[in-house]
Structures are given as C-alpha cells and as structure tokens.
Protein backbone atom coordinates (compact mmCIF):
# COMPACT_ATOMS: atom_id res chain seq x y z
CA MET A 1 23.00 -19.78 173.08
CA ALA A 2 19.55 -19.30 174.40
CA SER A 3 16.98 -21.68 173.04
CA GLN A 4 13.74 -20.23 171.71
CA PRO A 5 10.57 -21.43 173.41
CA THR A 6 8.46 -23.72 171.27
CA GLU A 7 4.83 -22.81 170.71
CA SER A 8 2.23 -25.44 171.37
CA ALA A 9 -0.60 -26.13 168.91
CA ASN A 10 -3.09 -24.19 171.05
CA GLU A 11 -0.93 -21.07 171.28
CA GLN A 12 -0.39 -20.64 167.54
CA LYS A 13 -2.29 -17.67 166.19
CA LYS A 14 -3.49 -17.69 162.60
CA GLU A 15 -3.55 -14.45 160.70
CA TYR A 16 -6.34 -14.15 158.18
CA GLY A 17 -5.32 -10.91 156.50
CA LYS A 18 -7.45 -7.85 155.86
CA ILE A 19 -11.13 -7.83 156.80
CA GLY A 20 -12.35 -8.11 153.21
CA GLU A 21 -10.04 -11.04 152.47
CA ARG A 22 -10.67 -13.28 155.47
CA PRO A 23 -13.67 -15.55 156.09
CA PHE A 24 -16.57 -14.17 158.11
CA VAL A 25 -16.38 -17.01 160.63
CA ALA A 26 -13.40 -19.30 161.13
CA PHE A 27 -14.09 -22.21 163.45
CA ASP A 28 -10.64 -23.19 164.61
CA ASP A 29 -8.62 -23.11 167.81
CA ALA A 30 -7.01 -19.79 166.93
CA LYS A 31 -7.97 -16.66 168.79
CA SER A 32 -11.18 -15.16 167.42
CA THR A 33 -10.72 -12.04 165.36
CA THR A 34 -14.28 -10.78 164.84
CA PRO A 35 -16.91 -9.88 167.44
CA PHE A 36 -19.28 -12.51 166.00
CA GLU A 37 -16.69 -15.24 166.48
CA ARG A 38 -16.00 -14.15 170.05
CA TRP A 39 -19.74 -14.15 170.80
CA THR A 40 -20.32 -17.63 169.35
CA LYS A 41 -17.26 -19.06 171.09
CA SER A 42 -18.36 -17.64 174.47
CA GLY A 43 -21.76 -19.23 174.01
CA GLU A 44 -20.19 -22.58 173.16
CA ARG A 45 -18.03 -22.47 176.28
CA GLU A 46 -21.05 -21.77 178.48
CA ASP A 47 -23.24 -24.48 176.90
CA GLY A 48 -21.06 -27.29 178.00
CA GLU A 49 -20.30 -30.32 175.90
CA HIS A 50 -23.26 -31.38 173.71
CA GLY A 51 -25.54 -28.74 175.26
CA THR A 52 -25.53 -30.20 178.77
CA LYS A 53 -25.78 -26.75 180.39
CA ASN A 54 -28.73 -25.20 178.57
CA GLY A 55 -29.50 -22.84 181.45
CA ALA A 56 -26.12 -21.17 180.97
CA PHE A 57 -26.90 -20.69 177.27
CA TYR A 58 -30.20 -18.97 178.04
CA GLN A 59 -28.52 -16.75 180.62
CA HIS A 60 -25.85 -15.80 178.06
CA ALA A 61 -28.52 -15.09 175.45
CA LEU A 62 -30.46 -12.84 177.83
CA GLN A 63 -27.30 -10.88 178.57
CA GLN A 64 -27.00 -10.07 174.86
CA PRO A 65 -30.35 -8.39 174.00
CA ALA A 66 -29.09 -6.70 170.83
CA TYR A 67 -28.02 -10.01 169.31
CA MET A 68 -31.23 -11.67 170.44
CA MET A 69 -33.30 -8.94 168.78
CA LEU A 70 -31.21 -9.28 165.65
CA CYS A 71 -31.98 -13.00 165.55
CA CYS A 72 -35.59 -12.92 166.75
CA ILE A 73 -37.02 -10.20 164.50
CA PRO A 74 -36.58 -12.19 161.25
CA LEU A 75 -37.91 -15.30 162.99
CA PHE A 76 -40.96 -13.37 164.20
CA ALA A 77 -41.53 -12.13 160.64
CA CYS A 78 -41.30 -15.71 159.38
CA VAL A 79 -43.90 -16.85 161.91
CA LEU A 80 -46.17 -14.01 160.84
CA LYS A 81 -45.71 -15.00 157.20
CA LEU A 82 -46.74 -18.56 158.02
CA LEU A 83 -49.74 -17.45 160.11
CA TYR A 84 -51.04 -15.05 157.47
CA ILE A 85 -50.18 -17.09 154.39
CA ARG A 86 -53.65 -16.68 152.84
CA ARG A 87 -53.42 -12.89 152.89
CA ARG A 88 -50.75 -12.95 150.16
CA LEU A 89 -48.50 -10.41 151.88
CA PHE A 90 -44.80 -10.40 151.13
CA TYR A 91 -42.24 -11.42 153.74
CA ILE A 92 -40.82 -7.89 153.72
CA ASP A 93 -44.20 -6.56 154.93
CA HIS A 94 -44.05 -8.87 157.92
CA LEU A 95 -40.40 -7.93 158.50
CA ILE A 96 -41.26 -4.22 158.59
CA TYR A 97 -44.06 -4.94 161.07
CA ALA A 98 -41.68 -7.07 163.16
CA LEU A 99 -39.16 -4.20 163.22
CA HIS A 100 -41.78 -1.73 164.45
CA TYR A 101 -43.49 -3.98 166.98
CA PRO A 102 -40.76 -3.90 169.70
CA HIS A 103 -40.66 -0.10 169.44
CA LEU A 104 -44.40 0.13 170.07
CA LEU A 105 -44.15 -2.38 172.89
CA LEU A 106 -41.36 -0.41 174.60
CA ARG A 107 -43.35 2.83 174.23
CA ARG A 108 -46.36 1.21 175.92
CA ILE A 109 -44.19 -0.12 178.74
CA MET A 110 -42.64 3.34 179.22
CA LEU A 111 -46.10 4.92 179.42
CA ILE A 112 -47.23 2.36 181.99
CA VAL A 113 -44.08 2.87 184.09
CA LEU A 114 -44.36 6.68 183.94
CA ALA A 115 -48.06 6.55 184.83
CA THR A 116 -47.26 4.27 187.79
CA ILE A 117 -44.52 6.61 188.99
CA GLY A 118 -46.85 9.60 188.64
CA LEU A 119 -49.67 7.88 190.54
CA ASN A 120 -47.30 6.83 193.34
CA ARG A 121 -45.98 10.39 193.70
CA SER A 122 -49.46 11.89 193.73
CA ARG A 123 -50.52 9.33 196.34
CA ARG A 124 -47.53 10.26 198.51
CA VAL A 125 -48.38 13.94 198.22
CA GLN A 126 -51.97 13.24 199.23
CA LEU A 127 -50.82 11.16 202.23
CA GLN A 128 -48.42 13.91 203.36
CA ASP A 129 -51.10 16.64 203.06
CA GLY A 130 -53.80 14.62 204.80
C-alpha cells in the first residue's frame, strides 16, 4: 500500500465558496482568492516585518497607479473638504472635483509634451534647411 502524503499547515487551501458568500478579505495563510487580497499580501511581503523596508512599499505603490488613484482621490476630496469647510460644500462636490482634476492635469501634460515635440521637430527642420 502506498501511503498518502500528509499536507502541512501552510499547504492547506481553504475554500470560501461562491463570490457572494465568501468574505471580501480573508487574512489567513491560505492562498489568496481575490485580486485585492493578492495585492495586499504582495505589499506586506515587500514591506518587511513591522515596516522595516518602507522604500520597497513605496516602489510597490508606484508600480500600481490604478490602485493608488483609487485610494488617493477620496483622500484628496477629504483634504479639500477640510480646507474649504467654511464654504459649506458637500463632500460629493469635492469628490467630483477630485475625479476631474487628474484628467485635466494629464491633458495639460499631454499638451506640453506635444508642444515640446513640435518645437523640437521644427527646430531640426530649420537647422537642416539652414
């Protein structure tokens, strides 16, 4: 008879069931089942124990711009709410502004980059003609 290999505590995989029935985040040693869990676990591994490698955390955060925008836009709206508290605007007004601000910023950067490219090309053409 062949003996069955025993599974160690780290290799056991927990099944949580269907997506609607399982918790959003399960902090255990089992393999992560949602993208959010995988993202948080990868950040924890790169931080080191008790946050001793903060540079690795910042590098990981900069490699995930979509998640950073998702986290930073509500925080930016909260800061705006605190700065303009006497104006009696709702938080949602600041949130809408915070959602539009990066779009306007990226459009301005694109215009600057395209203008720079156009000026460099026209300067090259002038140097070749002259």
